[in-house]
């Protein structure tokens, strides 16, 4: 597949590293993606490929399906992230975050989803209806542009029956709204989607950060993996912290371990072909403060939370730009 960005600059794709961003899932934590992308745009790097699961699939689709001048605006619009930076958390923020999360669980959230009442009798359709998300994405995403390959986009879902990861790639097939919503089918909250006689659910059930197809690409690579859950953290000091740590480790360790193994396999393939890729791989993770709603933080969709997460992503990506890469290894980004 040709590289439109390289053709415009007059530089063949083989003469420079392929630049890709992988966005993981995590519902409302996805506002972190937006801040990362805002900082990325200031680096003046080309963007050849975006991949994502669940909330990450939405972020990737908003980027690939928007003109470059509108990408940040559309990301802010979807993630309800105001342009003013979040201030320092106040003393009551933790309580407000829990109230926001509980309210979302009970009533849903405007523009994202609403409770599915009554529940369908014929088959399980999820506790919430993603209709509001479908309508907003229809207004924000140009699917002709998304499928045009600039940048290439890959979305991951999971076959609910077999458990297999299912990848949809604009380089080989047309991606539509149902592919995005299938990737968001996090059971039991959100329903799987039937595509080509398969029931497909959340990409996080198999590849929460679907960087795998990017690492199979031949040639040097500049990859950013944006995880919404931290692998490293403090020993829990209570029930809430323990439940949150369990959730964080479940997803983040999947990403970190898979990324390490995939990079080792990639280097082995390169050595067998007498190649030296000199890959640069950065792993950024959202690290929430104590003000977040513990294990329910992803359901806090308040503007305060969204702005806080956006700013965290912005600062983390700015910090990543100042770090020396680890040749053919993982540069884990953590601000001091």
C-alpha atoms as a PDB file:
ATOM      1  CA  UNK A   1       0.000   0.000   0.000  1.00  0.00           C
ATOM      2  CA  UNK A   2       1.388   3.413  -0.908  1.00  0.00           C
ATOM      3  CA  UNK A   3       2.135   5.970   1.779  1.00  0.00           C
ATOM      4  CA  UNK A   4       0.314   9.234   0.917  1.00  0.00           C
ATOM      5  CA  UNK A   5       2.224  11.240   3.522  1.00  0.00           C
ATOM      6  CA  UNK A   6       5.563  10.098   2.151  1.00  0.00           C
ATOM      7  CA  UNK A   7       4.507  10.782  -1.431  1.00  0.00           C
ATOM      8  CA  UNK A   8       3.529  14.354  -0.564  1.00  0.00           C
ATOM      9  CA  UNK A   9       6.895  14.985   1.052  1.00  0.00           C
ATOM     10  CA  UNK A  10       8.781  13.366  -1.807  1.00  0.00           C
ATOM     11  CA  UNK A  11      10.328  10.798   0.541  1.00  0.00           C
ATOM     12  CA  UNK A  12       9.811   7.125  -0.112  1.00  0.00           C
ATOM     13  CA  UNK A  13       8.353   5.214   2.825  1.00  0.00           C
ATOM     14  CA  UNK A  14      11.336   2.849   2.830  1.00  0.00           C
ATOM     15  CA  UNK A  15      13.729   5.748   3.520  1.00  0.00           C
ATOM     16  CA  UNK A  16      12.264   6.662   6.905  1.00  0.00           C
ATOM     17  CA  UNK A  17      10.748   4.772   9.848  1.00  0.00           C
ATOM     18  CA  UNK A  18       7.066   3.974   9.739  1.00  0.00           C
ATOM     19  CA  UNK A  19       5.346   5.984  12.482  1.00  0.00           C
ATOM     20  CA  UNK A  20       2.369   4.401  14.242  1.00  0.00           C
ATOM     21  CA  UNK A  21       0.248   4.952  17.349  1.00  0.00           C
ATOM     22  CA  UNK A  22      -1.662   2.177  19.119  1.00  0.00           C
ATOM     23  CA  UNK A  23      -4.519   3.210  21.408  1.00  0.00           C
ATOM     24  CA  UNK A  24      -5.807   0.815  24.079  1.00  0.00           C
ATOM     25  CA  UNK A  25      -9.323   0.529  25.464  1.00  0.00           C
ATOM     26  CA  UNK A  26     -10.603   1.929  28.753  1.00  0.00           C
ATOM     27  CA  UNK A  27     -13.942   3.729  28.204  1.00  0.00           C
ATOM     28  CA  UNK A  28     -13.812   7.259  29.697  1.00  0.00           C
ATOM     29  CA  UNK A  29     -10.071   7.033  30.291  1.00  0.00           C
ATOM     30  CA  UNK A  30      -9.795   7.505  26.526  1.00  0.00           C
ATOM     31  CA  UNK A  31      -9.576  11.280  26.966  1.00  0.00           C
ATOM     32  CA  UNK A  32      -5.913  10.546  27.770  1.00  0.00           C
ATOM     33  CA  UNK A  33      -5.531   9.575  24.102  1.00  0.00           C
ATOM     34  CA  UNK A  34      -6.535  13.069  23.063  1.00  0.00           C
ATOM     35  CA  UNK A  35      -3.865  14.757  25.145  1.00  0.00           C
ATOM     36  CA  UNK A  36      -1.232  12.362  23.814  1.00  0.00           C
ATOM     37  CA  UNK A  37      -2.277  13.135  20.246  1.00  0.00           C
ATOM     38  CA  UNK A  38      -2.252  16.888  20.870  1.00  0.00           C
ATOM     39  CA  UNK A  39       1.380  16.656  21.984  1.00  0.00           C
ATOM     40  CA  UNK A  40       2.189  14.312  19.099  1.00  0.00           C
ATOM     41  CA  UNK A  41       1.006  16.885  16.548  1.00  0.00           C
ATOM     42  CA  UNK A  42       3.641  19.324  17.839  1.00  0.00           C
ATOM     43  CA  UNK A  43       6.433  16.840  17.055  1.00  0.00           C
ATOM     44  CA  UNK A  44       5.951  17.318  13.285  1.00  0.00           C
ATOM     45  CA  UNK A  45       6.286  13.565  12.746  1.00  0.00           C
ATOM     46  CA  UNK A  46       4.403  11.842   9.941  1.00  0.00           C
ATOM     47  CA  UNK A  47       1.562   9.566  11.007  1.00  0.00           C
ATOM     48  CA  UNK A  48       1.316   6.440   8.886  1.00  0.00           C
ATOM     49  CA  UNK A  49      -0.818   4.073  10.935  1.00  0.00           C
ATOM     50  CA  UNK A  50      -3.241   4.126  13.886  1.00  0.00           C
ATOM     51  CA  UNK A  51      -4.622   1.047  15.612  1.00  0.00           C
ATOM     52  CA  UNK A  52      -7.006   0.609  18.504  1.00  0.00           C
ATOM     53  CA  UNK A  53      -9.396  -1.479  20.568  1.00  0.00           C
ATOM     54  CA  UNK A  54     -12.621  -0.315  22.206  1.00  0.00           C
ATOM     55  CA  UNK A  55     -12.140   3.337  23.253  1.00  0.00           C
ATOM     56  CA  UNK A  56      -8.878   3.159  21.336  1.00  0.00           C
ATOM     57  CA  UNK A  57     -10.763   2.134  18.196  1.00  0.00           C
ATOM     58  CA  UNK A  58     -12.915   5.253  18.566  1.00  0.00           C
ATOM     59  CA  UNK A  59      -9.869   7.491  18.973  1.00  0.00           C
ATOM     60  CA  UNK A  60      -8.142   5.884  15.982  1.00  0.00           C
ATOM     61  CA  UNK A  61     -11.282   6.290  13.856  1.00  0.00           C
ATOM     62  CA  UNK A  62     -11.672   9.945  14.818  1.00  0.00           C
ATOM     63  CA  UNK A  63      -8.072  10.587  13.732  1.00  0.00           C
ATOM     64  CA  UNK A  64      -8.202   8.591  10.496  1.00  0.00           C
ATOM     65  CA  UNK A  65     -11.674   9.853   9.629  1.00  0.00           C
ATOM     66  CA  UNK A  66     -11.004  13.579  10.101  1.00  0.00           C
ATOM     67  CA  UNK A  67      -9.028  16.143   8.088  1.00  0.00           C
ATOM     68  CA  UNK A  68      -5.742  16.838   9.871  1.00  0.00           C
ATOM     69  CA  UNK A  69      -6.906  20.352  10.803  1.00  0.00           C
ATOM     70  CA  UNK A  70     -10.034  18.965  12.525  1.00  0.00           C
ATOM     71  CA  UNK A  71      -8.594  15.983  14.384  1.00  0.00           C
ATOM     72  CA  UNK A  72      -7.985  17.647  17.742  1.00  0.00           C
ATOM     73  CA  UNK A  73     -11.322  19.441  17.638  1.00  0.00           C
ATOM     74  CA  UNK A  74     -13.173  16.207  16.912  1.00  0.00           C
ATOM     75  CA  UNK A  75     -11.293  14.359  19.652  1.00  0.00           C
ATOM     76  CA  UNK A  76     -12.213  17.084  22.157  1.00  0.00           C
ATOM     77  CA  UNK A  77     -15.804  17.008  20.981  1.00  0.00           C
ATOM     78  CA  UNK A  78     -16.133  13.265  21.439  1.00  0.00           C
ATOM     79  CA  UNK A  79     -14.293  13.023  24.746  1.00  0.00           C
ATOM     80  CA  UNK A  80     -16.116  16.050  26.187  1.00  0.00           C
ATOM     81  CA  UNK A  81     -12.721  17.492  27.140  1.00  0.00           C
ATOM     82  CA  UNK A  82     -12.815  21.289  27.596  1.00  0.00           C
ATOM     83  CA  UNK A  83      -9.876  23.204  26.175  1.00  0.00           C
ATOM     84  CA  UNK A  84      -8.936  24.787  29.523  1.00  0.00           C
ATOM     85  CA  UNK A  85      -6.497  22.664  31.559  1.00  0.00           C
ATOM     86  CA  UNK A  86      -7.789  20.820  34.600  1.00  0.00           C
ATOM     87  CA  UNK A  87      -6.893  22.490  37.856  1.00  0.00           C
ATOM     88  CA  UNK A  88      -5.474  20.782  40.901  1.00  0.00           C
ATOM     89  CA  UNK A  89      -7.849  18.167  42.353  1.00  0.00           C
ATOM     90  CA  UNK A  90      -9.844  19.543  45.260  1.00  0.00           C
ATOM     91  CA  UNK A  91     -10.432  17.757  48.550  1.00  0.00           C
ATOM     92  CA  UNK A  92     -13.856  16.486  47.503  1.00  0.00           C
ATOM     93  CA  UNK A  93     -12.879  15.289  44.034  1.00  0.00           C
ATOM     94  CA  UNK A  94     -12.700  11.620  45.014  1.00  0.00           C
ATOM     95  CA  UNK A  95     -16.278  11.640  46.309  1.00  0.00           C
ATOM     96  CA  UNK A  96     -17.507  13.545  43.253  1.00  0.00           C
ATOM     97  CA  UNK A  97     -15.757  11.062  40.987  1.00  0.00           C
ATOM     98  CA  UNK A  98     -17.557   8.153  42.644  1.00  0.00           C
ATOM     99  CA  UNK A  99     -20.895   9.963  42.419  1.00  0.00           C
ATOM    100  CA  UNK A 100     -20.278  10.623  38.734  1.00  0.00           C
ATOM    101  CA  UNK A 101     -19.400   6.976  38.096  1.00  0.00           C
ATOM    102  CA  UNK A 102     -22.475   5.722  39.974  1.00  0.00           C
ATOM    103  CA  UNK A 103     -24.684   8.169  38.114  1.00  0.00           C
ATOM    104  CA  UNK A 104     -23.284   6.897  34.795  1.00  0.00           C
ATOM    105  CA  UNK A 105     -23.876   3.299  35.850  1.00  0.00           C
ATOM    106  CA  UNK A 106     -27.507   4.027  36.708  1.00  0.00           C
ATOM    107  CA  UNK A 107     -28.531   6.585  34.088  1.00  0.00           C
ATOM    108  CA  UNK A 108     -25.891   6.343  31.352  1.00  0.00           C
ATOM    109  CA  UNK A 109     -24.335   9.525  29.978  1.00  0.00           C
ATOM    110  CA  UNK A 110     -25.528  11.929  27.304  1.00  0.00           C
ATOM    111  CA  UNK A 111     -23.682  11.385  24.045  1.00  0.00           C
ATOM    112  CA  UNK A 112     -22.181   8.039  25.081  1.00  0.00           C
ATOM    113  CA  UNK A 113     -24.866   5.503  26.046  1.00  0.00           C
ATOM    114  CA  UNK A 114     -28.121   5.033  27.917  1.00  0.00           C
ATOM    115  CA  UNK A 115     -29.641   2.084  29.817  1.00  0.00           C
ATOM    116  CA  UNK A 116     -31.276  -0.540  27.629  1.00  0.00           C
ATOM    117  CA  UNK A 117     -34.742  -0.946  29.120  1.00  0.00           C
ATOM    118  CA  UNK A 118     -36.371  -3.359  28.984  1.00  0.00           C
ATOM    119  CA  UNK A 119     -33.635  -5.887  28.277  1.00  0.00           C
ATOM    120  CA  UNK A 120     -34.344  -7.877  25.083  1.00  0.00           C
ATOM    121  CA  UNK A 121     -35.899 -11.292  25.705  1.00  0.00           C
ATOM    122  CA  UNK A 122     -34.545 -13.069  22.572  1.00  0.00           C
ATOM    123  CA  UNK A 123     -30.815 -12.507  23.169  1.00  0.00           C
ATOM    124  CA  UNK A 124     -28.636 -10.541  25.534  1.00  0.00           C
ATOM    125  CA  UNK A 125     -28.105  -7.086  24.074  1.00  0.00           C
ATOM    126  CA  UNK A 126     -26.006  -5.442  26.756  1.00  0.00           C
ATOM    127  CA  UNK A 127     -27.020  -3.336  29.736  1.00  0.00           C
ATOM    128  CA  UNK A 128     -26.492  -0.099  27.802  1.00  0.00           C
ATOM    129  CA  UNK A 129     -27.330   1.090  24.297  1.00  0.00           C
ATOM    130  CA  UNK A 130     -24.469   2.725  22.372  1.00  0.00           C
ATOM    131  CA  UNK A 131     -26.926   4.539  20.099  1.00  0.00           C
ATOM    132  CA  UNK A 132     -25.757   8.013  21.251  1.00  0.00           C
ATOM    133  CA  UNK A 133     -22.153   7.092  20.462  1.00  0.00           C
ATOM    134  CA  UNK A 134     -23.193   5.835  17.021  1.00  0.00           C
ATOM    135  CA  UNK A 135     -24.951   9.122  16.253  1.00  0.00           C
ATOM    136  CA  UNK A 136     -22.062  11.306  17.402  1.00  0.00           C
ATOM    137  CA  UNK A 137     -19.470   9.268  15.524  1.00  0.00           C
ATOM    138  CA  UNK A 138     -21.608   9.459  12.391  1.00  0.00           C
ATOM    139  CA  UNK A 139     -21.366  13.245  12.571  1.00  0.00           C
ATOM    140  CA  UNK A 140     -17.661  13.344  13.401  1.00  0.00           C
ATOM    141  CA  UNK A 141     -16.174  10.642  11.143  1.00  0.00           C
ATOM    142  CA  UNK A 142     -15.842  10.796   7.361  1.00  0.00           C
ATOM    143  CA  UNK A 143     -15.739   7.112   6.456  1.00  0.00           C
ATOM    144  CA  UNK A 144     -14.499   7.783   2.933  1.00  0.00           C
ATOM    145  CA  UNK A 145     -11.492   9.559   4.420  1.00  0.00           C
ATOM    146  CA  UNK A 146     -11.057   6.878   7.097  1.00  0.00           C
ATOM    147  CA  UNK A 147     -10.836   4.195   4.408  1.00  0.00           C
ATOM    148  CA  UNK A 148      -8.525   6.281   2.240  1.00  0.00           C
ATOM    149  CA  UNK A 149      -5.380   5.066   3.983  1.00  0.00           C
ATOM    150  CA  UNK A 150      -3.947   8.352   5.263  1.00  0.00           C
ATOM    151  CA  UNK A 151      -3.299   7.217   7.912  1.00  0.00           C
ATOM    152  CA  UNK A 152      -3.939   3.491   7.675  1.00  0.00           C
ATOM    153  CA  UNK A 153      -6.208   2.230  10.450  1.00  0.00           C
ATOM    154  CA  UNK A 154      -6.578  -1.168  12.099  1.00  0.00           C
ATOM    155  CA  UNK A 155      -9.363  -1.943  14.583  1.00  0.00           C
ATOM    156  CA  UNK A 156      -9.481  -5.000  16.829  1.00  0.00           C
ATOM    157  CA  UNK A 157     -12.552  -6.903  18.025  1.00  0.00           C
ATOM    158  CA  UNK A 158     -12.909 -10.332  19.652  1.00  0.00           C
ATOM    159  CA  UNK A 159     -14.928 -13.292  18.391  1.00  0.00           C
ATOM    160  CA  UNK A 160     -17.157 -13.966  21.410  1.00  0.00           C
ATOM    161  CA  UNK A 161     -17.528 -17.678  20.569  1.00  0.00           C
ATOM    162  CA  UNK A 162     -13.943 -18.637  19.650  1.00  0.00           C
ATOM    163  CA  UNK A 163     -12.109 -15.974  21.663  1.00  0.00           C
ATOM    164  CA  UNK A 164      -9.975 -15.097  18.631  1.00  0.00           C
ATOM    165  CA  UNK A 165      -8.814 -11.562  17.937  1.00  0.00           C
ATOM    166  CA  UNK A 166     -10.364 -10.192  14.741  1.00  0.00           C
ATOM    167  CA  UNK A 167      -8.534  -7.366  12.975  1.00  0.00           C
ATOM    168  CA  UNK A 168     -10.139  -4.997  10.483  1.00  0.00           C
ATOM    169  CA  UNK A 169      -7.599  -3.130   8.384  1.00  0.00           C
ATOM    170  CA  UNK A 170      -8.285  -0.311   5.943  1.00  0.00           C
ATOM    171  CA  UNK A 171      -5.433  -1.648   3.784  1.00  0.00           C
ATOM    172  CA  UNK A 172      -7.456  -4.746   2.933  1.00  0.00           C
ATOM    173  CA  UNK A 173     -11.144  -4.056   3.641  1.00  0.00           C
ATOM    174  CA  UNK A 174     -13.621  -1.284   4.228  1.00  0.00           C
ATOM    175  CA  UNK A 175     -14.202  -0.278   7.850  1.00  0.00           C
ATOM    176  CA  UNK A 176     -17.700   0.865   8.821  1.00  0.00           C
ATOM    177  CA  UNK A 177     -19.491   1.986  11.974  1.00  0.00           C
ATOM    178  CA  UNK A 178     -20.338  -1.563  13.057  1.00  0.00           C
ATOM    179  CA  UNK A 179     -16.662  -2.484  13.179  1.00  0.00           C
ATOM    180  CA  UNK A 180     -16.004   0.351  15.627  1.00  0.00           C
ATOM    181  CA  UNK A 181     -19.001  -0.505  17.806  1.00  0.00           C
ATOM    182  CA  UNK A 182     -18.121  -4.219  17.778  1.00  0.00           C
ATOM    183  CA  UNK A 183     -14.722  -3.293  19.199  1.00  0.00           C
ATOM    184  CA  UNK A 184     -16.590  -1.533  22.050  1.00  0.00           C
ATOM    185  CA  UNK A 185     -18.743  -4.524  22.976  1.00  0.00           C
ATOM    186  CA  UNK A 186     -17.453  -4.928  26.533  1.00  0.00           C
ATOM    187  CA  UNK A 187     -19.751  -7.571  28.041  1.00  0.00           C
ATOM    188  CA  UNK A 188     -22.046  -7.346  29.903  1.00  0.00           C
ATOM    189  CA  UNK A 189     -22.255  -3.558  29.675  1.00  0.00           C
ATOM    190  CA  UNK A 190     -22.272  -3.321  25.873  1.00  0.00           C
ATOM    191  CA  UNK A 191     -23.607  -5.758  23.311  1.00  0.00           C
ATOM    192  CA  UNK A 192     -21.536  -7.676  20.775  1.00  0.00           C
ATOM    193  CA  UNK A 193     -22.197  -6.909  17.105  1.00  0.00           C
ATOM    194  CA  UNK A 194     -22.851  -9.509  14.431  1.00  0.00           C
ATOM    195  CA  UNK A 195     -20.548  -9.105  11.422  1.00  0.00           C
ATOM    196  CA  UNK A 196     -20.229 -11.755   8.701  1.00  0.00           C
ATOM    197  CA  UNK A 197     -21.982 -14.406  10.822  1.00  0.00           C
ATOM    198  CA  UNK A 198     -19.716 -13.823  13.831  1.00  0.00           C
ATOM    199  CA  UNK A 199     -20.635 -12.169  17.103  1.00  0.00           C
ATOM    200  CA  UNK A 200     -17.842  -9.740  17.857  1.00  0.00           C
ATOM    201  CA  UNK A 201     -17.147  -8.060  21.188  1.00  0.00           C
ATOM    202  CA  UNK A 202     -14.603  -5.792  22.801  1.00  0.00           C
ATOM    203  CA  UNK A 203     -11.082  -5.860  21.384  1.00  0.00           C
ATOM    204  CA  UNK A 204      -9.743  -5.670  24.939  1.00  0.00           C
ATOM    205  CA  UNK A 205     -10.779  -9.280  25.502  1.00  0.00           C
ATOM    206  CA  UNK A 206      -7.968 -10.363  23.156  1.00  0.00           C
ATOM    207  CA  UNK A 207      -5.684  -7.443  22.191  1.00  0.00           C
ATOM    208  CA  UNK A 208      -6.410  -4.381  24.302  1.00  0.00           C
ATOM    209  CA  UNK A 209      -3.503  -2.619  22.569  1.00  0.00           C
ATOM    210  CA  UNK A 210      -3.417  -4.084  19.031  1.00  0.00           C
ATOM    211  CA  UNK A 211       0.137  -3.227  17.977  1.00  0.00           C
ATOM    212  CA  UNK A 212       0.710  -6.717  16.522  1.00  0.00           C
ATOM    213  CA  UNK A 213       0.127  -5.937  12.819  1.00  0.00           C
ATOM    214  CA  UNK A 214       2.391  -2.886  13.065  1.00  0.00           C
ATOM    215  CA  UNK A 215       5.278  -4.968  14.386  1.00  0.00           C
ATOM    216  CA  UNK A 216       4.909  -7.359  11.453  1.00  0.00           C
ATOM    217  CA  UNK A 217       5.710  -4.496   9.082  1.00  0.00           C
ATOM    218  CA  UNK A 218       9.110  -4.721   7.381  1.00  0.00           C
ATOM    219  CA  UNK A 219      11.472  -1.815   7.890  1.00  0.00           C
ATOM    220  CA  UNK A 220      12.333   0.532  10.764  1.00  0.00           C
ATOM    221  CA  UNK A 221       9.570   1.551  13.120  1.00  0.00           C
ATOM    222  CA  UNK A 222       8.642   4.457  15.382  1.00  0.00           C
ATOM    223  CA  UNK A 223       5.782   3.176  17.586  1.00  0.00           C
ATOM    224  CA  UNK A 224       3.848   4.755  20.450  1.00  0.00           C
ATOM    225  CA  UNK A 225       1.687   2.378  22.509  1.00  0.00           C
ATOM    226  CA  UNK A 226      -0.864   4.307  24.576  1.00  0.00           C
ATOM    227  CA  UNK A 227      -2.152   2.199  27.463  1.00  0.00           C
ATOM    228  CA  UNK A 228      -4.951   3.453  29.716  1.00  0.00           C
ATOM    229  CA  UNK A 229      -3.919   1.259  32.646  1.00  0.00           C
ATOM    230  CA  UNK A 230      -0.596   1.420  34.552  1.00  0.00           C
ATOM    231  CA  UNK A 231       1.504  -1.699  35.002  1.00  0.00           C
ATOM    232  CA  UNK A 232       3.473  -0.290  37.904  1.00  0.00           C
ATOM    233  CA  UNK A 233       1.773   1.068  41.008  1.00  0.00           C
ATOM    234  CA  UNK A 234       1.627   1.107  44.773  1.00  0.00           C
ATOM    235  CA  UNK A 235       0.739  -1.818  47.021  1.00  0.00           C
ATOM    236  CA  UNK A 236      -2.998  -1.426  47.780  1.00  0.00           C
ATOM    237  CA  UNK A 237      -3.867  -0.009  51.192  1.00  0.00           C
ATOM    238  CA  UNK A 238      -7.565  -0.906  51.156  1.00  0.00           C
ATOM    239  CA  UNK A 239     -10.381  -2.675  49.326  1.00  0.00           C
ATOM    240  CA  UNK A 240     -10.946   0.095  46.768  1.00  0.00           C
ATOM    241  CA  UNK A 241      -7.259   0.337  45.906  1.00  0.00           C
ATOM    242  CA  UNK A 242      -6.998  -3.471  45.646  1.00  0.00           C
ATOM    243  CA  UNK A 243      -9.913  -3.674  43.213  1.00  0.00           C
ATOM    244  CA  UNK A 244      -8.405  -0.883  41.107  1.00  0.00           C
ATOM    245  CA  UNK A 245      -4.961  -2.511  41.103  1.00  0.00           C
ATOM    246  CA  UNK A 246      -6.483  -5.804  39.987  1.00  0.00           C
ATOM    247  CA  UNK A 247      -8.146  -4.116  37.003  1.00  0.00           C
ATOM    248  CA  UNK A 248      -5.013  -2.167  36.085  1.00  0.00           C
ATOM    249  CA  UNK A 249      -2.770  -5.231  36.206  1.00  0.00           C
ATOM    250  CA  UNK A 250      -5.196  -7.385  34.207  1.00  0.00           C
ATOM    251  CA  UNK A 251      -5.005  -5.109  31.181  1.00  0.00           C
ATOM    252  CA  UNK A 252      -1.578  -3.471  31.509  1.00  0.00           C
ATOM    253  CA  UNK A 253       0.380  -6.685  32.012  1.00  0.00           C
ATOM    254  CA  UNK A 254      -1.309  -8.145  28.937  1.00  0.00           C
ATOM    255  CA  UNK A 255      -0.012  -5.194  26.938  1.00  0.00           C
ATOM    256  CA  UNK A 256       3.505  -5.058  28.398  1.00  0.00           C
ATOM    257  CA  UNK A 257       4.215  -8.792  28.200  1.00  0.00           C
ATOM    258  CA  UNK A 258       2.851  -9.136  24.674  1.00  0.00           C
ATOM    259  CA  UNK A 259       4.807  -6.103  23.509  1.00  0.00           C
ATOM    260  CA  UNK A 260       8.056  -7.532  24.884  1.00  0.00           C
ATOM    261  CA  UNK A 261       7.520 -10.912  23.226  1.00  0.00           C
ATOM    262  CA  UNK A 262       6.458  -9.309  19.935  1.00  0.00           C
ATOM    263  CA  UNK A 263       9.574  -7.126  19.842  1.00  0.00           C
ATOM    264  CA  UNK A 264      11.794 -10.141  20.519  1.00  0.00           C
ATOM    265  CA  UNK A 265      10.129 -12.051  17.674  1.00  0.00           C
ATOM    266  CA  UNK A 266      10.499  -9.044  15.379  1.00  0.00           C
ATOM    267  CA  UNK A 267      14.221  -8.762  16.111  1.00  0.00           C
ATOM    268  CA  UNK A 268      14.694 -12.476  15.522  1.00  0.00           C
ATOM    269  CA  UNK A 269      13.033 -12.153  12.121  1.00  0.00           C
ATOM    270  CA  UNK A 270      15.285  -9.194  11.320  1.00  0.00           C
ATOM    271  CA  UNK A 271      18.443 -11.106  12.338  1.00  0.00           C
ATOM    272  CA  UNK A 272      17.467 -14.063  10.157  1.00  0.00           C
ATOM    273  CA  UNK A 273      17.280 -11.618   7.240  1.00  0.00           C
ATOM    274  CA  UNK A 274      20.519  -9.876   8.269  1.00  0.00           C
ATOM    275  CA  UNK A 275      18.653  -6.608   8.975  1.00  0.00           C
ATOM    276  CA  UNK A 276      18.998  -3.994  11.718  1.00  0.00           C
ATOM    277  CA  UNK A 277      15.768  -2.050  12.237  1.00  0.00           C
ATOM    278  CA  UNK A 278      16.764   0.291  15.111  1.00  0.00           C
ATOM    279  CA  UNK A 279      13.117   0.503  16.234  1.00  0.00           C
ATOM    280  CA  UNK A 280      11.946   3.166  18.683  1.00  0.00           C
ATOM    281  CA  UNK A 281       9.040   1.992  20.863  1.00  0.00           C
ATOM    282  CA  UNK A 282       7.460   4.116  23.606  1.00  0.00           C
ATOM    283  CA  UNK A 283       4.892   2.837  26.122  1.00  0.00           C
ATOM    284  CA  UNK A 284       2.765   5.544  27.761  1.00  0.00           C
ATOM    285  CA  UNK A 285       0.287   4.697  30.520  1.00  0.00           C
ATOM    286  CA  UNK A 286      -2.387   6.763  32.240  1.00  0.00           C
ATOM    287  CA  UNK A 287      -1.593   6.840  35.969  1.00  0.00           C
ATOM    288  CA  UNK A 288      -4.603   8.166  37.890  1.00  0.00           C
ATOM    289  CA  UNK A 289      -4.334   9.941  41.209  1.00  0.00           C
ATOM    290  CA  UNK A 290      -6.220   9.110  44.371  1.00  0.00           C
ATOM    291  CA  UNK A 291      -8.953  11.524  43.285  1.00  0.00           C
ATOM    292  CA  UNK A 292     -10.207   9.035  40.662  1.00  0.00           C
ATOM    293  CA  UNK A 293     -13.007   6.570  41.439  1.00  0.00           C
ATOM    294  CA  UNK A 294     -10.797   3.525  41.916  1.00  0.00           C
ATOM    295  CA  UNK A 295     -11.985   0.503  39.912  1.00  0.00           C
ATOM    296  CA  UNK A 296     -14.933   2.545  38.563  1.00  0.00           C
ATOM    297  CA  UNK A 297     -12.790   5.380  37.190  1.00  0.00           C
ATOM    298  CA  UNK A 298     -13.540   4.532  33.561  1.00  0.00           C
ATOM    299  CA  UNK A 299     -17.239   5.296  34.197  1.00  0.00           C
ATOM    300  CA  UNK A 300     -16.530   8.818  35.448  1.00  0.00           C
ATOM    301  CA  UNK A 301     -17.346  10.762  32.284  1.00  0.00           C
ATOM    302  CA  UNK A 302     -17.473  14.206  33.881  1.00  0.00           C
ATOM    303  CA  UNK A 303     -15.763  17.106  32.145  1.00  0.00           C
ATOM    304  CA  UNK A 304     -13.473  17.503  35.146  1.00  0.00           C
ATOM    305  CA  UNK A 305     -12.206  13.939  34.759  1.00  0.00           C
ATOM    306  CA  UNK A 306     -11.919  14.225  30.980  1.00  0.00           C
ATOM    307  CA  UNK A 307      -9.883  17.439  31.199  1.00  0.00           C
ATOM    308  CA  UNK A 308      -7.607  15.915  33.837  1.00  0.00           C
ATOM    309  CA  UNK A 309      -6.926  12.833  31.716  1.00  0.00           C
ATOM    310  CA  UNK A 310      -6.390  14.883  28.552  1.00  0.00           C
ATOM    311  CA  UNK A 311      -3.807  17.031  30.325  1.00  0.00           C
ATOM    312  CA  UNK A 312      -2.054  13.939  31.715  1.00  0.00           C
ATOM    313  CA  UNK A 313      -1.718  12.562  28.180  1.00  0.00           C
ATOM    314  CA  UNK A 314      -0.380  15.878  26.911  1.00  0.00           C
ATOM    315  CA  UNK A 315       2.284  16.068  29.627  1.00  0.00           C
ATOM    316  CA  UNK A 316       3.255  12.399  29.263  1.00  0.00           C
ATOM    317  CA  UNK A 317       3.775  12.717  25.509  1.00  0.00           C
ATOM    318  CA  UNK A 318       5.775  15.906  25.952  1.00  0.00           C
ATOM    319  CA  UNK A 319       7.941  14.030  28.459  1.00  0.00           C
ATOM    320  CA  UNK A 320       8.326  11.086  26.050  1.00  0.00           C
ATOM    321  CA  UNK A 321       9.664  13.449  23.389  1.00  0.00           C
ATOM    322  CA  UNK A 322      12.556  14.345  25.716  1.00  0.00           C
ATOM    323  CA  UNK A 323      13.541  10.745  26.472  1.00  0.00           C
ATOM    324  CA  UNK A 324      16.268   8.842  24.681  1.00  0.00           C
ATOM    325  CA  UNK A 325      14.791   5.769  22.983  1.00  0.00           C
ATOM    326  CA  UNK A 326      15.805   2.229  23.925  1.00  0.00           C
ATOM    327  CA  UNK A 327      17.125   0.613  20.775  1.00  0.00           C
ATOM    328  CA  UNK A 328      14.799  -2.244  19.827  1.00  0.00           C
ATOM    329  CA  UNK A 329      13.358  -2.220  23.344  1.00  0.00           C
ATOM    330  CA  UNK A 330      10.508  -0.616  25.273  1.00  0.00           C
ATOM    331  CA  UNK A 331      10.953   2.914  26.580  1.00  0.00           C
ATOM    332  CA  UNK A 332       8.411   3.064  29.428  1.00  0.00           C
ATOM    333  CA  UNK A 333       7.368   6.684  29.922  1.00  0.00           C
ATOM    334  CA  UNK A 334       6.771   7.935  33.437  1.00  0.00           C
ATOM    335  CA  UNK A 335       6.991  11.566  34.464  1.00  0.00           C
ATOM    336  CA  UNK A 336       8.922  12.181  37.722  1.00  0.00           C
END
